[in-house]
PDB file of N, CA and C in Angstrom:
ATOM      1  N   MET A   1      -9.324   4.523  -4.744  1.00  0.00           N
ATOM      2  CA  MET A   1      -8.970   3.471  -3.656  1.00  0.00           C
ATOM      3  C   MET A   1      -7.607   3.077  -3.747  1.00  0.00           C
ATOM      4  N   HIS A   2      -7.133   2.630  -2.481  1.00  0.00           N
ATOM      5  CA  HIS A   2      -5.809   2.052  -2.463  1.00  0.00           C
ATOM      6  C   HIS A   2      -5.903   0.527  -2.376  1.00  0.00           C
ATOM      7  N   TYR A   3      -4.938  -0.102  -2.908  1.00  0.00           N
ATOM      8  CA  TYR A   3      -4.724  -1.505  -2.779  1.00  0.00           C
ATOM      9  C   TYR A   3      -3.201  -2.026  -2.336  1.00  0.00           C
ATOM     10  N   LEU A   4      -3.153  -2.789  -1.358  1.00  0.00           N
ATOM     11  CA  LEU A   4      -1.901  -3.332  -0.871  1.00  0.00           C
ATOM     12  C   LEU A   4      -1.738  -4.701  -1.588  1.00  0.00           C
ATOM     13  N   LEU A   5      -0.632  -4.796  -2.237  1.00  0.00           N
ATOM     14  CA  LEU A   5      -0.063  -6.037  -2.783  1.00  0.00           C
ATOM     15  C   LEU A   5       0.921  -6.622  -1.856  1.00  0.00           C
ATOM     16  N   PHE A   6       0.670  -7.753  -1.271  1.00  0.00           N
ATOM     17  CA  PHE A   6       1.566  -8.505  -0.356  1.00  0.00           C
ATOM     18  C   PHE A   6       2.319  -9.482  -1.085  1.00  0.00           C
ATOM     19  N   TYR A   7       3.592  -9.479  -0.917  1.00  0.00           N
ATOM     20  CA  TYR A   7       4.519 -10.647  -1.498  1.00  0.00           C
ATOM     21  C   TYR A   7       5.136 -11.391  -0.391  1.00  0.00           C
ATOM     22  N   GLU A   8       4.853 -12.630  -0.250  1.00  0.00           N
ATOM     23  CA  GLU A   8       5.618 -13.457   0.721  1.00  0.00           C
ATOM     24  C   GLU A   8       6.692 -13.969  -0.052  1.00  0.00           C
ATOM     25  N   VAL A   9       8.007 -13.612   0.210  1.00  0.00           N
ATOM     26  CA  VAL A   9       9.114 -13.992  -0.563  1.00  0.00           C
ATOM     27  C   VAL A   9       9.813 -15.227  -0.143  1.00  0.00           C
ATOM     28  N   SER A  10      10.560 -15.831  -0.969  1.00  0.00           N
ATOM     29  CA  SER A  10      11.191 -17.184  -0.733  1.00  0.00           C
ATOM     30  C   SER A  10      12.465 -16.959   0.247  1.00  0.00           C
ATOM     31  N   GLU A  11      12.916 -18.040   0.857  1.00  0.00           N
ATOM     32  CA  GLU A  11      13.943 -17.857   1.897  1.00  0.00           C
ATOM     33  C   GLU A  11      15.259 -17.306   1.108  1.00  0.00           C
ATOM     34  N   ASP A  12      15.433 -17.613  -0.134  1.00  0.00           N
ATOM     35  CA  ASP A  12      16.586 -17.205  -0.898  1.00  0.00           C
ATOM     36  C   ASP A  12      16.385 -15.938  -1.794  1.00  0.00           C
ATOM     37  N   TYR A  13      15.286 -15.250  -1.486  1.00  0.00           N
ATOM     38  CA  TYR A  13      14.967 -14.080  -2.186  1.00  0.00           C
ATOM     39  C   TYR A  13      16.180 -13.083  -2.259  1.00  0.00           C
ATOM     40  N   VAL A  14      16.699 -12.729  -1.143  1.00  0.00           N
ATOM     41  CA  VAL A  14      17.729 -11.684  -1.200  1.00  0.00           C
ATOM     42  C   VAL A  14      18.910 -12.116  -2.077  1.00  0.00           C
ATOM     43  N   SER A  15      19.283 -13.444  -2.007  1.00  0.00           N
ATOM     44  CA  SER A  15      20.449 -13.925  -2.817  1.00  0.00           C
ATOM     45  C   SER A  15      20.165 -14.040  -4.245  1.00  0.00           C
ATOM     46  N   ARG A  16      18.886 -14.220  -4.599  1.00  0.00           N
ATOM     47  CA  ARG A  16      18.457 -14.476  -6.025  1.00  0.00           C
ATOM     48  C   ARG A  16      18.022 -13.323  -6.795  1.00  0.00           C
ATOM     49  N   ARG A  17      17.557 -12.241  -6.152  1.00  0.00           N
ATOM     50  CA  ARG A  17      16.869 -11.077  -6.715  1.00  0.00           C
ATOM     51  C   ARG A  17      17.770 -10.350  -7.709  1.00  0.00           C
ATOM     52  N   ALA A  18      18.946 -10.366  -7.635  1.00  0.00           N
ATOM     53  CA  ALA A  18      19.955  -9.565  -8.486  1.00  0.00           C
ATOM     54  C   ALA A  18      19.500  -9.765 -10.005  1.00  0.00           C
ATOM     55  N   GLU A  19      19.420 -10.983 -10.327  1.00  0.00           N
ATOM     56  CA  GLU A  19      19.153 -11.531 -11.689  1.00  0.00           C
ATOM     57  C   GLU A  19      18.058 -10.661 -12.376  1.00  0.00           C
ATOM     58  N   PHE A  20      16.919 -10.620 -11.514  1.00  0.00           N
ATOM     59  CA  PHE A  20      15.600 -10.106 -11.917  1.00  0.00           C
ATOM     60  C   PHE A  20      15.171  -8.807 -11.509  1.00  0.00           C
ATOM     61  N   ARG A  21      16.180  -8.056 -10.670  1.00  0.00           N
ATOM     62  CA  ARG A  21      15.895  -6.818 -10.088  1.00  0.00           C
ATOM     63  C   ARG A  21      15.681  -5.777 -11.151  1.00  0.00           C
ATOM     64  N   ASP A  22      16.474  -5.611 -12.137  1.00  0.00           N
ATOM     65  CA  ASP A  22      16.328  -4.465 -12.981  1.00  0.00           C
ATOM     66  C   ASP A  22      14.981  -4.529 -13.683  1.00  0.00           C
ATOM     67  N   ALA A  23      14.604  -5.675 -14.177  1.00  0.00           N
ATOM     68  CA  ALA A  23      13.237  -5.863 -14.806  1.00  0.00           C
ATOM     69  C   ALA A  23      12.109  -5.570 -13.768  1.00  0.00           C
ATOM     70  N   HIS A  24      12.240  -6.041 -12.571  1.00  0.00           N
ATOM     71  CA  HIS A  24      11.232  -5.708 -11.608  1.00  0.00           C
ATOM     72  C   HIS A  24      11.106  -4.158 -11.353  1.00  0.00           C
ATOM     73  N   LEU A  25      12.328  -3.505 -11.170  1.00  0.00           N
ATOM     74  CA  LEU A  25      12.277  -2.079 -10.947  1.00  0.00           C
ATOM     75  C   LEU A  25      11.787  -1.289 -12.122  1.00  0.00           C
ATOM     76  N   LYS A  26      12.037  -1.753 -13.340  1.00  0.00           N
ATOM     77  CA  LYS A  26      11.481  -1.027 -14.565  1.00  0.00           C
ATOM     78  C   LYS A  26       9.942  -1.148 -14.545  1.00  0.00           C
ATOM     79  N   MET A  27       9.411  -2.267 -14.289  1.00  0.00           N
ATOM     80  CA  MET A  27       7.970  -2.355 -14.106  1.00  0.00           C
ATOM     81  C   MET A  27       7.567  -1.481 -13.089  1.00  0.00           C
ATOM     82  N   GLY A  28       8.203  -1.464 -11.906  1.00  0.00           N
ATOM     83  CA  GLY A  28       7.660  -0.610 -10.805  1.00  0.00           C
ATOM     84  C   GLY A  28       7.673   0.940 -11.098  1.00  0.00           C
ATOM     85  N   TRP A  29       8.837   1.361 -11.733  1.00  0.00           N
ATOM     86  CA  TRP A  29       8.814   2.754 -11.969  1.00  0.00           C
ATOM     87  C   TRP A  29       7.878   3.238 -13.201  1.00  0.00           C
ATOM     88  N   LYS A  30       7.612   2.277 -13.986  1.00  0.00           N
ATOM     89  CA  LYS A  30       6.649   2.484 -15.053  1.00  0.00           C
ATOM     90  C   LYS A  30       5.252   2.678 -14.533  1.00  0.00           C
ATOM     91  N   ALA A  31       4.885   1.717 -13.539  1.00  0.00           N
ATOM     92  CA  ALA A  31       3.651   1.782 -12.899  1.00  0.00           C
ATOM     93  C   ALA A  31       3.480   3.028 -11.992  1.00  0.00           C
ATOM     94  N   SER A  32       4.546   3.456 -11.449  1.00  0.00           N
ATOM     95  CA  SER A  32       4.661   4.733 -10.612  1.00  0.00           C
ATOM     96  C   SER A  32       4.393   5.925 -11.515  1.00  0.00           C
ATOM     97  N   ALA A  33       5.009   5.924 -12.763  1.00  0.00           N
ATOM     98  CA  ALA A  33       4.981   7.146 -13.694  1.00  0.00           C
ATOM     99  C   ALA A  33       3.470   7.300 -14.068  1.00  0.00           C
ATOM    100  N   CYS A  34       2.760   6.272 -14.267  1.00  0.00           N
ATOM    101  CA  CYS A  34       1.433   6.426 -14.803  1.00  0.00           C
ATOM    102  C   CYS A  34       0.391   6.556 -13.561  1.00  0.00           C
ATOM    103  N   GLY A  35       0.944   6.641 -12.405  1.00  0.00           N
ATOM    104  CA  GLY A  35       0.075   6.978 -11.225  1.00  0.00           C
ATOM    105  C   GLY A  35      -0.613   5.703 -10.519  1.00  0.00           C
ATOM    106  N   GLU A  36      -0.135   4.493 -10.877  1.00  0.00           N
ATOM    107  CA  GLU A  36      -0.780   3.401 -10.338  1.00  0.00           C
ATOM    108  C   GLU A  36      -0.005   2.878  -9.065  1.00  0.00           C
ATOM    109  N   LEU A  37       1.280   2.821  -9.044  1.00  0.00           N
ATOM    110  CA  LEU A  37       2.065   2.419  -7.936  1.00  0.00           C
ATOM    111  C   LEU A  37       2.465   3.585  -7.157  1.00  0.00           C
ATOM    112  N   VAL A  38       2.145   3.648  -5.815  1.00  0.00           N
ATOM    113  CA  VAL A  38       2.465   4.723  -4.982  1.00  0.00           C
ATOM    114  C   VAL A  38       3.734   4.568  -4.264  1.00  0.00           C
ATOM    115  N   LEU A  39       3.955   3.395  -3.746  1.00  0.00           N
ATOM    116  CA  LEU A  39       5.139   2.963  -2.999  1.00  0.00           C
ATOM    117  C   LEU A  39       5.361   1.536  -3.043  1.00  0.00           C
ATOM    118  N   GLY A  40       6.540   1.063  -2.935  1.00  0.00           N
ATOM    119  CA  GLY A  40       6.846  -0.380  -2.802  1.00  0.00           C
ATOM    120  C   GLY A  40       8.190  -0.666  -2.235  1.00  0.00           C
ATOM    121  N   GLY A  41       8.265  -1.751  -1.596  1.00  0.00           N
ATOM    122  CA  GLY A  41       9.581  -2.191  -1.036  1.00  0.00           C
ATOM    123  C   GLY A  41       9.450  -3.486  -0.123  1.00  0.00           C
ATOM    124  N   LEU A  42      10.628  -3.850   0.308  1.00  0.00           N
ATOM    125  CA  LEU A  42      10.884  -5.064   1.035  1.00  0.00           C
ATOM    126  C   LEU A  42      10.810  -4.699   2.450  1.00  0.00           C
ATOM    127  N   LEU A  43      10.115  -5.523   3.346  1.00  0.00           N
ATOM    128  CA  LEU A  43      10.165  -5.225   4.747  1.00  0.00           C
ATOM    129  C   LEU A  43      11.474  -5.926   5.306  1.00  0.00           C
ATOM    130  N   GLN A  44      11.964  -5.287   6.370  1.00  0.00           N
ATOM    131  CA  GLN A  44      13.263  -5.777   6.950  1.00  0.00           C
ATOM    132  C   GLN A  44      13.093  -6.345   8.322  1.00  0.00           C
ATOM    133  N   ASP A  45      14.119  -7.118   8.701  1.00  0.00           N
ATOM    134  CA  ASP A  45      14.265  -7.805   9.977  1.00  0.00           C
ATOM    135  C   ASP A  45      13.081  -8.804  10.418  1.00  0.00           C
ATOM    136  N   PRO A  46      12.739  -9.672   9.650  1.00  0.00           N
ATOM    137  CA  PRO A  46      13.418 -10.407   8.585  1.00  0.00           C
ATOM    138  C   PRO A  46      12.938  -9.859   7.330  1.00  0.00           C
ATOM    139  N   PRO A  47      13.772 -10.090   6.155  1.00  0.00           N
ATOM    140  CA  PRO A  47      13.262  -9.659   4.816  1.00  0.00           C
ATOM    141  C   PRO A  47      12.351 -10.745   4.279  1.00  0.00           C
ATOM    142  N   ASP A  48      11.201 -10.916   4.633  1.00  0.00           N
ATOM    143  CA  ASP A  48      10.438 -12.050   4.318  1.00  0.00           C
ATOM    144  C   ASP A  48       9.128 -11.653   3.502  1.00  0.00           C
ATOM    145  N   CYS A  49       8.789 -10.243   3.506  1.00  0.00           N
ATOM    146  CA  CYS A  49       7.651  -9.793   2.840  1.00  0.00           C
ATOM    147  C   CYS A  49       7.912  -8.481   2.202  1.00  0.00           C
ATOM    148  N   ALA A  50       7.242  -8.249   1.144  1.00  0.00           N
ATOM    149  CA  ALA A  50       7.302  -6.982   0.387  1.00  0.00           C
ATOM    150  C   ALA A  50       5.867  -6.423   0.276  1.00  0.00           C
ATOM    151  N   LEU A  51       5.762  -5.142   0.391  1.00  0.00           N
ATOM    152  CA  LEU A  51       4.424  -4.434   0.121  1.00  0.00           C
ATOM    153  C   LEU A  51       4.516  -3.480  -0.917  1.00  0.00           C
ATOM    154  N   LEU A  52       3.522  -3.409  -1.659  1.00  0.00           N
ATOM    155  CA  LEU A  52       3.383  -2.455  -2.729  1.00  0.00           C
ATOM    156  C   LEU A  52       1.974  -1.810  -2.695  1.00  0.00           C
ATOM    157  N   LEU A  53       2.071  -0.441  -2.684  1.00  0.00           N
ATOM    158  CA  LEU A  53       0.791   0.319  -2.502  1.00  0.00           C
ATOM    159  C   LEU A  53       0.345   0.809  -3.934  1.00  0.00           C
ATOM    160  N   PHE A  54      -0.684   0.452  -4.321  1.00  0.00           N
ATOM    161  CA  PHE A  54      -1.328   0.803  -5.587  1.00  0.00           C
ATOM    162  C   PHE A  54      -2.596   1.760  -5.454  1.00  0.00           C
ATOM    163  N   ARG A  55      -2.849   2.522  -6.478  1.00  0.00           N
ATOM    164  CA  ARG A  55      -4.043   3.481  -6.399  1.00  0.00           C
ATOM    165  C   ARG A  55      -4.775   3.008  -7.776  1.00  0.00           C
ATOM    166  N   GLY A  56      -6.034   2.786  -7.576  1.00  0.00           N
ATOM    167  CA  GLY A  56      -6.904   2.332  -8.769  1.00  0.00           C
ATOM    168  C   GLY A  56      -8.353   2.247  -8.441  1.00  0.00           C
ATOM    169  N   ASP A  57      -9.086   1.798  -9.382  1.00  0.00           N
ATOM    170  CA  ASP A  57     -10.534   1.665  -9.243  1.00  0.00           C
ATOM    171  C   ASP A  57     -10.977   0.224  -8.856  1.00  0.00           C
ATOM    172  N   SER A  58      -9.964  -0.638  -8.917  1.00  0.00           N
ATOM    173  CA  SER A  58     -10.244  -2.004  -8.515  1.00  0.00           C
ATOM    174  C   SER A  58      -8.832  -2.773  -8.158  1.00  0.00           C
ATOM    175  N   PRO A  59      -8.881  -3.869  -7.612  1.00  0.00           N
ATOM    176  CA  PRO A  59      -7.644  -4.458  -7.329  1.00  0.00           C
ATOM    177  C   PRO A  59      -6.972  -5.050  -8.555  1.00  0.00           C
ATOM    178  N   GLU A  60      -7.524  -4.845  -9.686  1.00  0.00           N
ATOM    179  CA  GLU A  60      -6.916  -5.523 -10.855  1.00  0.00           C
ATOM    180  C   GLU A  60      -5.588  -4.816 -11.176  1.00  0.00           C
ATOM    181  N   VAL A  61      -5.568  -3.536 -10.845  1.00  0.00           N
ATOM    182  CA  VAL A  61      -4.190  -2.891 -11.132  1.00  0.00           C
ATOM    183  C   VAL A  61      -2.950  -3.578 -10.461  1.00  0.00           C
ATOM    184  N   ALA A  62      -3.272  -3.914  -9.157  1.00  0.00           N
ATOM    185  CA  ALA A  62      -2.203  -4.698  -8.416  1.00  0.00           C
ATOM    186  C   ALA A  62      -2.023  -6.151  -8.938  1.00  0.00           C
ATOM    187  N   GLU A  63      -3.258  -6.724  -9.123  1.00  0.00           N
ATOM    188  CA  GLU A  63      -3.066  -8.102  -9.602  1.00  0.00           C
ATOM    189  C   GLU A  63      -2.394  -8.188 -11.039  1.00  0.00           C
ATOM    190  N   LYS A  64      -2.655  -7.340 -11.914  1.00  0.00           N
ATOM    191  CA  LYS A  64      -2.007  -7.387 -13.134  1.00  0.00           C
ATOM    192  C   LYS A  64      -0.528  -7.089 -12.977  1.00  0.00           C
ATOM    193  N   PHE A  65      -0.112  -6.299 -12.137  1.00  0.00           N
ATOM    194  CA  PHE A  65       1.372  -6.076 -11.904  1.00  0.00           C
ATOM    195  C   PHE A  65       2.026  -7.364 -11.341  1.00  0.00           C
ATOM    196  N   ALA A  66       1.380  -8.071 -10.342  1.00  0.00           N
ATOM    197  CA  ALA A  66       1.843  -9.301  -9.831  1.00  0.00           C
ATOM    198  C   ALA A  66       1.982 -10.375 -10.860  1.00  0.00           C
ATOM    199  N   ARG A  67       1.066 -10.523 -11.612  1.00  0.00           N
ATOM    200  CA  ARG A  67       1.067 -11.587 -12.775  1.00  0.00           C
ATOM    201  C   ARG A  67       2.052 -11.398 -13.661  1.00  0.00           C
ATOM    202  N   ALA A  68       2.576 -10.241 -13.941  1.00  0.00           N
ATOM    203  CA  ALA A  68       3.681  -9.970 -14.891  1.00  0.00           C
ATOM    204  C   ALA A  68       5.034  -9.866 -14.214  1.00  0.00           C
ATOM    205  N   ASP A  69       5.115  -9.722 -12.916  1.00  0.00           N
ATOM    206  CA  ASP A  69       6.379  -9.404 -12.199  1.00  0.00           C
ATOM    207  C   ASP A  69       7.402 -10.527 -12.354  1.00  0.00           C
ATOM    208  N   PRO A  70       8.550 -10.223 -12.813  1.00  0.00           N
ATOM    209  CA  PRO A  70       9.561 -11.252 -12.915  1.00  0.00           C
ATOM    210  C   PRO A  70       9.985 -11.960 -11.547  1.00  0.00           C
ATOM    211  N   TYR A  71       9.719 -11.266 -10.536  1.00  0.00           N
ATOM    212  CA  TYR A  71       9.955 -11.980  -9.169  1.00  0.00           C
ATOM    213  C   TYR A  71       8.939 -13.039  -8.943  1.00  0.00           C
ATOM    214  N   VAL A  72       7.727 -12.693  -9.342  1.00  0.00           N
ATOM    215  CA  VAL A  72       6.610 -13.875  -9.224  1.00  0.00           C
ATOM    216  C   VAL A  72       6.929 -14.933 -10.278  1.00  0.00           C
ATOM    217  N   LEU A  73       7.195 -14.486 -11.478  1.00  0.00           N
ATOM    218  CA  LEU A  73       7.217 -15.521 -12.570  1.00  0.00           C
ATOM    219  C   LEU A  73       8.512 -16.442 -12.438  1.00  0.00           C
ATOM    220  N   ASN A  74       9.471 -15.975 -11.619  1.00  0.00           N
ATOM    221  CA  ASN A  74      10.765 -16.775 -11.341  1.00  0.00           C
ATOM    222  C   ASN A  74      10.715 -17.339  -9.972  1.00  0.00           C
ATOM    223  N   GLY A  75       9.749 -17.409  -9.325  1.00  0.00           N
ATOM    224  CA  GLY A  75       9.643 -18.106  -8.024  1.00  0.00           C
ATOM    225  C   GLY A  75      10.245 -17.543  -6.769  1.00  0.00           C
ATOM    226  N   LEU A  76      10.574 -16.135  -6.937  1.00  0.00           N
ATOM    227  CA  LEU A  76      11.200 -15.512  -5.856  1.00  0.00           C
ATOM    228  C   LEU A  76       9.950 -15.102  -4.808  1.00  0.00           C
ATOM    229  N   VAL A  77       8.764 -14.997  -5.275  1.00  0.00           N
ATOM    230  CA  VAL A  77       7.613 -14.725  -4.482  1.00  0.00           C
ATOM    231  C   VAL A  77       6.819 -16.050  -4.460  1.00  0.00           C
ATOM    232  N   LYS A  78       6.735 -16.529  -2.995  1.00  0.00           N
ATOM    233  CA  LYS A  78       5.950 -17.863  -2.811  1.00  0.00           C
ATOM    234  C   LYS A  78       4.463 -17.686  -2.961  1.00  0.00           C
ATOM    235  N   ARG A  79       4.042 -16.453  -2.427  1.00  0.00           N
ATOM    236  CA  ARG A  79       2.640 -16.318  -2.472  1.00  0.00           C
ATOM    237  C   ARG A  79       2.402 -14.692  -2.462  1.00  0.00           C
ATOM    238  N   TRP A  80       1.371 -14.272  -3.327  1.00  0.00           N
ATOM    239  CA  TRP A  80       0.896 -12.949  -3.331  1.00  0.00           C
ATOM    240  C   TRP A  80      -0.530 -12.774  -3.135  1.00  0.00           C
ATOM    241  N   TYR A  81      -0.979 -11.700  -2.617  1.00  0.00           N
ATOM    242  CA  TYR A  81      -2.402 -11.414  -2.606  1.00  0.00           C
ATOM    243  C   TYR A  81      -2.663  -9.970  -2.410  1.00  0.00           C
ATOM    244  N   VAL A  82      -3.772  -9.506  -2.638  1.00  0.00           N
ATOM    245  CA  VAL A  82      -4.149  -8.051  -2.684  1.00  0.00           C
ATOM    246  C   VAL A  82      -5.228  -7.840  -1.672  1.00  0.00           C
ATOM    247  N   ARG A  83      -5.189  -6.715  -1.050  1.00  0.00           N
ATOM    248  CA  ARG A  83      -6.170  -6.203  -0.002  1.00  0.00           C
ATOM    249  C   ARG A  83      -6.520  -4.802  -0.269  1.00  0.00           C
ATOM    250  N   ALA A  84      -7.746  -4.458  -0.204  1.00  0.00           N
ATOM    251  CA  ALA A  84      -8.200  -3.119  -0.378  1.00  0.00           C
ATOM    252  C   ALA A  84      -7.842  -2.374   1.017  1.00  0.00           C
ATOM    253  N   TRP A  85      -7.401  -1.113   0.904  1.00  0.00           N
ATOM    254  CA  TRP A  85      -7.056  -0.307   1.965  1.00  0.00           C
ATOM    255  C   TRP A  85      -7.777   0.854   2.023  1.00  0.00           C
ATOM    256  N   THR A  86      -8.625   1.221   2.922  1.00  0.00           N
ATOM    257  CA  THR A  86      -9.371   2.396   3.003  1.00  0.00           C
ATOM    258  C   THR A  86      -8.492   3.479   3.826  1.00  0.00           C
ATOM    259  N   THR A  87      -7.777   4.371   3.027  1.00  0.00           N
ATOM    260  CA  THR A  87      -6.986   5.323   3.621  1.00  0.00           C
ATOM    261  C   THR A  87      -7.807   6.624   3.890  1.00  0.00           C
ATOM    262  N   VAL A  88      -7.666   7.009   5.069  1.00  0.00           N
ATOM    263  CA  VAL A  88      -8.482   8.171   5.424  1.00  0.00           C
ATOM    264  C   VAL A  88      -7.707   9.458   6.066  1.00  0.00           C
ATOM    265  N   VAL A  89      -6.435   9.248   6.437  1.00  0.00           N
ATOM    266  CA  VAL A  89      -5.591  10.356   6.813  1.00  0.00           C
ATOM    267  C   VAL A  89      -4.438  10.477   6.120  1.00  0.00           C
ATOM    268  N   GLY A  90      -4.005  11.763   5.753  1.00  0.00           N
ATOM    269  CA  GLY A  90      -2.732  12.063   5.090  1.00  0.00           C
ATOM    270  C   GLY A  90      -3.166  12.647   3.732  1.00  0.00           C
ATOM    271  N   ASP A  91      -1.992  13.343   3.149  1.00  0.00           N
ATOM    272  CA  ASP A  91      -2.230  14.059   1.901  1.00  0.00           C
ATOM    273  C   ASP A  91      -2.716  13.217   0.745  1.00  0.00           C
ATOM    274  N   LEU A  92      -2.196  11.728   0.853  1.00  0.00           N
ATOM    275  CA  LEU A  92      -2.422  10.922  -0.281  1.00  0.00           C
ATOM    276  C   LEU A  92      -3.707  10.042  -0.023  1.00  0.00           C
ATOM    277  N   ALA A  93      -4.345  10.240   1.076  1.00  0.00           N
ATOM    278  CA  ALA A  93      -5.606   9.502   1.531  1.00  0.00           C
ATOM    279  C   ALA A  93      -6.591   9.383   0.280  1.00  0.00           C
ATOM    280  N   ALA A  94      -7.156   8.178  -0.068  1.00  0.00           N
ATOM    281  CA  ALA A  94      -8.092   8.105  -1.071  1.00  0.00           C
ATOM    282  C   ALA A  94      -9.402   8.602  -0.648  1.00  0.00           C
ATOM    283  N   SER A  95      -9.808   8.418   0.684  1.00  0.00           N
ATOM    284  CA  SER A  95     -11.019   8.864   1.173  1.00  0.00           C
ATOM    285  C   SER A  95     -10.771   9.700   2.529  1.00  0.00           C
ATOM    286  N   PRO A  96     -10.266  10.927   2.320  1.00  0.00           N
ATOM    287  CA  PRO A  96      -9.933  11.706   3.460  1.00  0.00           C
ATOM    288  C   PRO A  96     -11.168  12.080   4.436  1.00  0.00           C
ATOM    289  N   LYS A  97     -10.856  11.841   5.732  1.00  0.00           N
ATOM    290  CA  LYS A  97     -11.959  12.130   6.710  1.00  0.00           C
ATOM    291  C   LYS A  97     -11.244  13.112   7.727  1.00  0.00           C
ATOM    292  N   ARG A  98     -11.930  14.183   7.956  1.00  0.00           N
ATOM    293  CA  ARG A  98     -11.452  15.266   8.832  1.00  0.00           C
ATOM    294  C   ARG A  98     -12.301  15.187  10.101  1.00  0.00           C
ATOM    295  N   PRO A  99     -11.577  15.529  11.270  1.00  0.00           N
ATOM    296  CA  PRO A  99     -12.532  15.695  12.401  1.00  0.00           C
ATOM    297  C   PRO A  99     -13.502  16.813  12.292  1.00  0.00           C
ATOM    298  N   ILE A 100     -14.607  16.611  12.970  1.00  0.00           N
ATOM    299  CA  ILE A 100     -15.672  17.655  12.925  1.00  0.00           C
ATOM    300  C   ILE A 100     -15.359  18.867  13.580  1.00  0.00           C
ATOM    301  N   SER A 101     -14.627  18.790  14.713  1.00  0.00           N
ATOM    302  CA  SER A 101     -14.339  19.911  15.342  1.00  0.00           C
ATOM    303  C   SER A 101     -12.827  20.197  15.445  1.00  0.00           C
TER     304      SER A 101
END
């Protein structure tokens, strides 16, 4: 199953993230290396939200990441939440569905 981790970031996120970025990126690449984090990044225009796509058996994999993330712990993220995402099309789909004909 896939899970989307939504980060609503603070107004000063872009100007403050440099201090915590290396630690955040280390966490992200570690989660990616073990197959949990598929993709992650900041939305643009405006840069007010980030999305991280996780793969796992429950939302706990994404929740655990958020609870330990330096961006969250240091107030760069105002609010975060996780939503299950039923992916059905594409090579990485968790529940691929093909047309009948």
